[in-house]
C-alpha atoms as a PDB file:
ATOM      1  CA  MET A   1     -23.300 -19.142   8.554  1.00  0.00           C
ATOM      2  CA  ASN A   2     -23.745 -22.791   9.531  1.00  0.00           C
ATOM      3  CA  LEU A   3     -22.232 -26.004   8.127  1.00  0.00           C
ATOM      4  CA  ALA A   4     -25.088 -26.605   5.656  1.00  0.00           C
ATOM      5  CA  GLU A   5     -24.800 -23.071   4.264  1.00  0.00           C
ATOM      6  CA  ALA A   6     -21.025 -23.453   4.024  1.00  0.00           C
ATOM      7  CA  ALA A   7     -21.394 -26.747   2.136  1.00  0.00           C
ATOM      8  CA  ALA A   8     -23.670 -25.007  -0.373  1.00  0.00           C
ATOM      9  CA  HIS A   9     -21.150 -22.175  -0.682  1.00  0.00           C
ATOM     10  CA  ILE A  10     -18.019 -24.198  -1.637  1.00  0.00           C
ATOM     11  CA  ASP A  11     -15.742 -22.208  -3.990  1.00  0.00           C
ATOM     12  CA  GLY A  12     -17.584 -19.023  -3.023  1.00  0.00           C
ATOM     13  CA  PRO A  13     -16.080 -15.986  -1.266  1.00  0.00           C
ATOM     14  CA  VAL A  14     -16.454 -15.420   2.475  1.00  0.00           C
ATOM     15  CA  LEU A  15     -15.439 -12.812   5.029  1.00  0.00           C
ATOM     16  CA  CYS A  16     -13.741 -14.197   8.149  1.00  0.00           C
ATOM     17  CA  TYR A  17     -13.898 -12.336  11.451  1.00  0.00           C
ATOM     18  CA  GLU A  18     -10.501 -12.631  13.163  1.00  0.00           C
ATOM     19  CA  PHE A  19     -10.256 -11.577  16.806  1.00  0.00           C
ATOM     20  CA  ASP A  20      -6.710 -10.689  17.824  1.00  0.00           C
ATOM     21  CA  GLY A  21      -7.324  -8.957  21.150  1.00  0.00           C
ATOM     22  CA  ARG A  22      -8.154  -5.536  19.729  1.00  0.00           C
ATOM     23  CA  ALA A  23     -11.405  -3.705  20.218  1.00  0.00           C
ATOM     24  CA  TYR A  24     -12.681  -4.541  16.730  1.00  0.00           C
ATOM     25  CA  PRO A  25     -12.240  -7.770  14.762  1.00  0.00           C
ATOM     26  CA  LYS A  26     -10.260  -7.832  11.534  1.00  0.00           C
ATOM     27  CA  LEU A  27     -12.059  -8.927   8.397  1.00  0.00           C
ATOM     28  CA  ARG A  28     -10.131 -11.349   6.206  1.00  0.00           C
ATOM     29  CA  GLU A  29     -11.286 -12.493   2.800  1.00  0.00           C
ATOM     30  CA  GLY A  30     -11.107 -16.053   1.547  1.00  0.00           C
ATOM     31  CA  VAL A  31     -12.733 -18.828  -0.474  1.00  0.00           C
ATOM     32  CA  VAL A  32     -14.509 -21.866   1.021  1.00  0.00           C
ATOM     33  CA  ARG A  33     -12.654 -25.047   0.003  1.00  0.00           C
ATOM     34  CA  GLU A  34     -13.992 -27.812   2.250  1.00  0.00           C
ATOM     35  CA  VAL A  35     -16.524 -28.482   5.001  1.00  0.00           C
ATOM     36  CA  SER A  36     -15.790 -31.072   7.706  1.00  0.00           C
ATOM     37  CA  VAL A  37     -18.713 -32.417   9.714  1.00  0.00           C
ATOM     38  CA  THR A  38     -16.412 -34.299  12.111  1.00  0.00           C
ATOM     39  CA  ARG A  39     -14.406 -31.143  12.894  1.00  0.00           C
ATOM     40  CA  ARG A  40     -17.522 -28.964  12.630  1.00  0.00           C
ATOM     41  CA  ALA A  41     -15.343 -26.490  10.745  1.00  0.00           C
ATOM     42  CA  VAL A  42     -14.910 -24.913   7.324  1.00  0.00           C
ATOM     43  CA  ARG A  43     -11.579 -24.886   5.477  1.00  0.00           C
ATOM     44  CA  VAL A  44     -10.989 -21.463   3.913  1.00  0.00           C
ATOM     45  CA  GLU A  45      -8.199 -20.524   1.496  1.00  0.00           C
ATOM     46  CA  MET A  46      -7.095 -17.066   2.582  1.00  0.00           C
ATOM     47  CA  ARG A  47      -6.490 -14.049   0.320  1.00  0.00           C
ATOM     48  CA  TYR A  48      -4.059 -11.205   0.691  1.00  0.00           C
ATOM     49  CA  THR A  49      -3.800  -7.798  -0.944  1.00  0.00           C
ATOM     50  CA  SER A  50      -0.838  -6.680  -2.977  1.00  0.00           C
ATOM     51  CA  ALA A  51      -0.549  -3.192  -4.398  1.00  0.00           C
ATOM     52  CA  SER A  52       0.365  -4.376  -7.884  1.00  0.00           C
ATOM     53  CA  ALA A  53      -1.946  -7.351  -8.339  1.00  0.00           C
ATOM     54  CA  GLY A  54      -4.945  -6.682  -6.134  1.00  0.00           C
ATOM     55  CA  TYR A  55      -6.376  -9.763  -4.397  1.00  0.00           C
ATOM     56  CA  ARG A  56      -4.570 -13.084  -4.735  1.00  0.00           C
ATOM     57  CA  LEU A  57      -5.116 -16.443  -3.105  1.00  0.00           C
ATOM     58  CA  THR A  58      -2.229 -17.411  -0.852  1.00  0.00           C
ATOM     59  CA  GLY A  59      -2.689 -21.159  -1.036  1.00  0.00           C
ATOM     60  CA  ARG A  60      -2.760 -21.133   2.776  1.00  0.00           C
ATOM     61  CA  CYS A  61      -5.876 -22.799   4.144  1.00  0.00           C
ATOM     62  CA  LEU A  62      -7.167 -22.358   7.684  1.00  0.00           C
ATOM     63  CA  TRP A  63     -10.002 -24.069   9.532  1.00  0.00           C
ATOM     64  CA  TRP A  64     -12.700 -21.664  10.765  1.00  0.00           C
ATOM     65  CA  THR A  65     -15.774 -22.148  12.876  1.00  0.00           C
ATOM     66  CA  PRO A  66     -18.797 -21.373  10.653  1.00  0.00           C
ATOM     67  CA  SER A  67     -20.160 -18.752  13.072  1.00  0.00           C
ATOM     68  CA  LEU A  68     -17.196 -16.471  12.218  1.00  0.00           C
ATOM     69  CA  LEU A  69     -17.885 -16.552   8.461  1.00  0.00           C
ATOM     70  CA  ARG A  70     -20.137 -14.257   6.450  1.00  0.00           C
ATOM     71  CA  VAL A  71     -20.987 -14.117   2.756  1.00  0.00           C
ATOM     72  CA  PRO A  72     -20.078 -10.705   1.262  1.00  0.00           C
ATOM     73  CA  GLN A  73     -23.016  -8.532   0.219  1.00  0.00           C
ATOM     74  CA  TRP A  74     -21.537  -7.871  -3.242  1.00  0.00           C
ATOM     75  CA  TRP A  75     -21.602 -11.630  -3.922  1.00  0.00           C
ATOM     76  CA  LEU A  76     -25.215 -11.948  -2.770  1.00  0.00           C
ATOM     77  CA  ASP A  77     -26.220  -9.053  -5.034  1.00  0.00           C
ATOM     78  CA  ARG A  78     -24.818 -10.881  -8.077  1.00  0.00           C
ATOM     79  CA  GLN A  79     -26.827 -14.057  -7.450  1.00  0.00           C
ATOM     80  CA  PRO A  80     -30.196 -14.483  -9.189  1.00  0.00           C
ATOM     81  CA  ALA A  81     -33.213 -14.162  -6.921  1.00  0.00           C
ATOM     82  CA  ALA A  82     -34.590 -17.453  -5.593  1.00  0.00           C
ATOM     83  CA  GLY A  83     -37.372 -18.796  -7.794  1.00  0.00           C
ATOM     84  CA  SER A  84     -36.782 -16.348 -10.621  1.00  0.00           C
ATOM     85  CA  GLU A  85     -35.775 -17.588 -14.036  1.00  0.00           C
ATOM     86  CA  GLU A  86     -33.423 -15.779 -16.330  1.00  0.00           C
ATOM     87  CA  ARG A  87     -35.292 -14.503 -19.381  1.00  0.00           C
ATOM     88  CA  GLN A  88     -33.769 -14.498 -22.814  1.00  0.00           C
END
């Protein structure tokens, strides 16, 4: 993802690759809230999992470099195809 794609994806879900020194990165889920051109970063509100409520937003926002963000495939599958119109 780059800054332009992130700006078009505000309020949409993203997967964040977090490297903590292990062999494989952790995937965190969040929602894009802001894009800063001066910082060249994307502000993402992080989600956490609870057994009783499923996914919830924490209210905690972190700045991520856009190269570590990906749009989830399930979200892409729900979007209408480019150039196609919805028929009634």
